[in-house]
């Protein structure tokens, strides 16, 4: 499970980087790569990272 999550995150990061170079193809790859569960996990990770960084900044 842990290795699979890492693969999903790395793949999604690569697709996001590809989106910068070719937005149209990158977005279609990103949509195809992210399943519903992976999208929720990625969104939760981003939200937690944001909240953690915000709390560290306030301290």
N, C-alpha and C. Protein backbone atom coordinates (compact mmCIF):
# COMPACT_ATOMS: atom_id res chain seq x y z
N UNK A 1 0.83 -1.19 0.00
CA UNK A 1 0.00 0.00 0.00
C UNK A 1 0.87 1.25 0.00
N UNK A 2 1.90 1.28 0.85
CA UNK A 2 2.75 2.45 0.96
C UNK A 2 3.50 2.71 -0.35
N UNK A 3 4.01 1.64 -0.97
CA UNK A 3 4.73 1.79 -2.24
C UNK A 3 3.80 2.25 -3.35
N UNK A 4 2.60 1.78 -3.35
CA UNK A 4 1.61 2.17 -4.37
C UNK A 4 1.28 3.65 -4.25
N UNK A 5 1.14 4.13 -3.03
CA UNK A 5 0.84 5.55 -2.81
C UNK A 5 1.99 6.40 -3.34
N UNK A 6 3.21 5.98 -3.06
CA UNK A 6 4.37 6.71 -3.56
C UNK A 6 4.40 6.75 -5.08
N UNK A 7 4.04 5.63 -5.71
CA UNK A 7 3.99 5.58 -7.17
C UNK A 7 2.94 6.54 -7.72
N UNK A 8 1.80 6.59 -7.06
CA UNK A 8 0.73 7.48 -7.50
C UNK A 8 1.17 8.94 -7.37
N UNK A 9 1.80 9.27 -6.25
CA UNK A 9 2.23 10.65 -6.02
C UNK A 9 3.30 11.06 -7.04
N UNK A 10 4.28 10.19 -7.26
CA UNK A 10 5.34 10.50 -8.21
C UNK A 10 4.77 10.61 -9.63
N UNK A 11 3.88 9.72 -9.98
CA UNK A 11 3.25 9.79 -11.30
C UNK A 11 2.45 11.05 -11.48
N UNK A 12 1.70 11.42 -10.46
CA UNK A 12 0.89 12.64 -10.54
C UNK A 12 1.79 13.87 -10.62
N UNK A 13 2.89 13.87 -9.87
CA UNK A 13 3.82 15.01 -9.93
C UNK A 13 4.43 15.12 -11.32
N UNK A 14 4.76 14.00 -11.93
CA UNK A 14 5.29 14.03 -13.29
C UNK A 14 4.26 14.55 -14.28
N UNK A 15 3.02 14.14 -14.10
CA UNK A 15 1.95 14.63 -14.99
C UNK A 15 1.73 16.12 -14.82
N UNK A 16 1.83 16.60 -13.59
CA UNK A 16 1.68 18.04 -13.33
C UNK A 16 2.82 18.80 -13.99
N UNK A 17 4.04 18.28 -13.88
CA UNK A 17 5.18 18.92 -14.53
C UNK A 17 5.00 18.93 -16.05
N UNK A 18 4.47 17.85 -16.59
CA UNK A 18 4.21 17.79 -18.03
C UNK A 18 3.14 18.78 -18.46
N UNK A 19 2.23 19.09 -17.56
CA UNK A 19 1.18 20.05 -17.86
C UNK A 19 1.74 21.44 -18.12
N UNK A 20 2.84 21.77 -17.45
CA UNK A 20 3.47 23.07 -17.65
C UNK A 20 4.01 23.17 -19.09
N UNK A 21 4.57 22.08 -19.58
CA UNK A 21 5.16 22.07 -20.92
C UNK A 21 4.08 22.03 -22.00
N UNK A 22 3.12 21.13 -21.86
CA UNK A 22 2.04 20.98 -22.84
C UNK A 22 0.72 20.87 -22.09
N UNK A 23 0.06 21.99 -21.82
CA UNK A 23 -1.13 21.97 -20.97
C UNK A 23 -2.24 21.03 -21.44
N UNK A 24 -2.53 21.00 -22.71
CA UNK A 24 -3.64 20.18 -23.20
C UNK A 24 -3.37 18.69 -22.97
N UNK A 25 -2.22 18.22 -23.38
CA UNK A 25 -1.90 16.80 -23.22
C UNK A 25 -1.66 16.46 -21.74
N UNK A 26 -1.04 17.38 -21.01
CA UNK A 26 -0.77 17.14 -19.59
C UNK A 26 -2.04 16.96 -18.78
N UNK A 27 -3.03 17.80 -19.04
CA UNK A 27 -4.28 17.68 -18.28
C UNK A 27 -5.02 16.38 -18.61
N UNK A 28 -4.96 15.97 -19.86
CA UNK A 28 -5.63 14.71 -20.20
C UNK A 28 -4.92 13.52 -19.54
N UNK A 29 -3.59 13.56 -19.48
CA UNK A 29 -2.84 12.50 -18.79
C UNK A 29 -3.13 12.51 -17.30
N UNK A 30 -3.20 13.70 -16.74
CA UNK A 30 -3.47 13.82 -15.31
C UNK A 30 -4.85 13.26 -14.97
N UNK A 31 -5.85 13.59 -15.77
CA UNK A 31 -7.19 13.05 -15.53
C UNK A 31 -7.22 11.54 -15.66
N UNK A 32 -6.51 11.01 -16.63
CA UNK A 32 -6.49 9.56 -16.84
C UNK A 32 -5.75 8.84 -15.72
N UNK A 33 -4.71 9.46 -15.17
CA UNK A 33 -3.89 8.81 -14.15
C UNK A 33 -4.54 8.81 -12.78
N UNK A 34 -5.34 9.82 -12.51
CA UNK A 34 -5.92 9.95 -11.17
C UNK A 34 -7.27 9.25 -11.09
N UNK A 35 -7.33 8.23 -10.29
CA UNK A 35 -8.62 7.61 -10.00
C UNK A 35 -9.30 8.46 -8.94
N UNK A 36 -10.53 8.17 -8.64
CA UNK A 36 -11.25 8.93 -7.63
C UNK A 36 -10.58 8.87 -6.27
N UNK A 37 -10.14 7.67 -5.90
CA UNK A 37 -9.49 7.50 -4.60
C UNK A 37 -8.15 8.23 -4.55
N UNK A 38 -7.38 8.14 -5.62
CA UNK A 38 -6.08 8.81 -5.66
C UNK A 38 -6.25 10.32 -5.63
N UNK A 39 -7.28 10.84 -6.30
CA UNK A 39 -7.54 12.28 -6.30
C UNK A 39 -7.88 12.76 -4.90
N UNK A 40 -8.68 11.99 -4.19
CA UNK A 40 -9.04 12.37 -2.81
C UNK A 40 -7.81 12.34 -1.92
N UNK A 41 -6.97 11.31 -2.08
CA UNK A 41 -5.75 11.21 -1.27
C UNK A 41 -4.80 12.37 -1.58
N UNK A 42 -4.68 12.72 -2.84
CA UNK A 42 -3.81 13.83 -3.24
C UNK A 42 -4.33 15.14 -2.68
N UNK A 43 -5.63 15.37 -2.78
CA UNK A 43 -6.23 16.60 -2.25
C UNK A 43 -6.07 16.67 -0.73
N UNK A 44 -6.25 15.54 -0.05
CA UNK A 44 -6.07 15.52 1.41
C UNK A 44 -4.62 15.81 1.78
N UNK A 45 -3.70 15.25 1.03
CA UNK A 45 -2.28 15.50 1.29
C UNK A 45 -1.91 16.96 1.08
N UNK A 46 -2.45 17.56 0.03
CA UNK A 46 -2.19 18.98 -0.22
C UNK A 46 -2.78 19.84 0.89
N UNK A 47 -3.98 19.51 1.33
CA UNK A 47 -4.62 20.27 2.40
C UNK A 47 -3.84 20.15 3.71
N UNK A 48 -3.41 18.93 4.03
CA UNK A 48 -2.63 18.74 5.26
C UNK A 48 -1.29 19.46 5.17
N UNK A 49 -0.65 19.40 4.01
CA UNK A 49 0.63 20.11 3.83
C UNK A 49 0.45 21.61 3.99
N UNK A 50 -0.62 22.13 3.43
CA UNK A 50 -0.90 23.57 3.55
C UNK A 50 -1.12 23.96 5.02
N UNK A 51 -1.93 23.17 5.72
CA UNK A 51 -2.19 23.48 7.13
C UNK A 51 -0.93 23.35 7.98
N UNK A 52 -0.11 22.35 7.69
CA UNK A 52 1.13 22.19 8.44
C UNK A 52 2.07 23.36 8.19
N UNK A 53 2.24 23.75 6.93
CA UNK A 53 3.11 24.88 6.61
C UNK A 53 2.60 26.18 7.22
N UNK A 54 1.30 26.33 7.23
CA UNK A 54 0.70 27.53 7.81
C UNK A 54 0.93 27.60 9.32
N UNK A 55 0.81 26.43 9.99
CA UNK A 55 1.03 26.41 11.43
C UNK A 55 2.51 26.65 11.77
N UNK A 56 3.40 26.15 10.94
CA UNK A 56 4.84 26.37 11.16
C UNK A 56 5.20 27.84 10.95
N UNK A 57 4.53 28.47 10.00
CA UNK A 57 4.80 29.86 9.71
C UNK A 57 4.32 30.78 10.82
N UNK A 58 3.21 30.42 11.45
CA UNK A 58 2.63 31.23 12.53
C UNK A 58 3.46 31.16 13.80
N UNK A 59 4.23 30.08 13.95
CA UNK A 59 5.00 29.90 15.19
C UNK A 59 6.23 30.76 15.25
